C-alpha atoms as a PDB file:
ATOM      1  CA  MET A   1      14.596  -9.542  27.799  1.00  0.00           C
ATOM      2  CA  HIS A   2      16.851  -7.561  25.488  1.00  0.00           C
ATOM      3  CA  ILE A   3      14.752  -8.446  22.438  1.00  0.00           C
ATOM      4  CA  ILE A   4      12.684  -5.269  22.761  1.00  0.00           C
ATOM      5  CA  PHE A   5      15.852  -3.198  23.047  1.00  0.00           C
ATOM      6  CA  HIS A   6      17.267  -4.766  19.882  1.00  0.00           C
ATOM      7  CA  LEU A   7      13.989  -4.205  18.030  1.00  0.00           C
ATOM      8  CA  CYS A   8      13.951  -0.531  19.018  1.00  0.00           C
ATOM      9  CA  LEU A   9      17.576  -0.155  17.952  1.00  0.00           C
ATOM     10  CA  ILE A  10      16.930  -1.820  14.576  1.00  0.00           C
ATOM     11  CA  VAL A  11      13.829   0.307  13.968  1.00  0.00           C
ATOM     12  CA  THR A  12      15.795   3.451  14.811  1.00  0.00           C
ATOM     13  CA  LEU A  13      18.598   2.502  12.422  1.00  0.00           C
ATOM     14  CA  LEU A  14      16.128   1.670   9.652  1.00  0.00           C
ATOM     15  CA  ALA A  15      14.268   4.947  10.183  1.00  0.00           C
ATOM     16  CA  THR A  16      17.547   6.879  10.017  1.00  0.00           C
ATOM     17  CA  SER A  17      18.567   5.109   6.806  1.00  0.00           C
ATOM     18  CA  ILE A  18      15.180   5.777   5.192  1.00  0.00           C
ATOM     19  CA  ASP A  19      15.340   9.448   6.217  1.00  0.00           C
ATOM     20  CA  CYS A  20      18.831   9.802   4.744  1.00  0.00           C
ATOM     21  CA  GLN A  21      17.802   8.147   1.468  1.00  0.00           C
ATOM     22  CA  GLY A  22      14.623  10.240   1.248  1.00  0.00           C
ATOM     23  CA  ALA A  23      16.560  13.461   1.873  1.00  0.00           C
ATOM     24  CA  ARG A  24      19.051  12.564  -0.857  1.00  0.00           C
ATOM     25  CA  GLY A  25      16.506  11.393  -3.434  1.00  0.00           C
ATOM     26  CA  GLY A  26      13.310  13.417  -3.012  1.00  0.00           C
ATOM     27  CA  GLY A  27      14.466  16.555  -1.235  1.00  0.00           C
ATOM     28  CA  SER A  28      13.790  18.290   2.075  1.00  0.00           C
ATOM     29  CA  ARG A  29      10.539  16.917   3.464  1.00  0.00           C
ATOM     30  CA  GLY A  30      11.166  17.287   7.170  1.00  0.00           C
END
């Protein structure tokens, strides 16, 4: 079952994108 692997990968990519956007827009949160 590679579904879980794909889900983890997608979540990681989404989290990275959100972090990048947040750092650019709001500022340094973490």
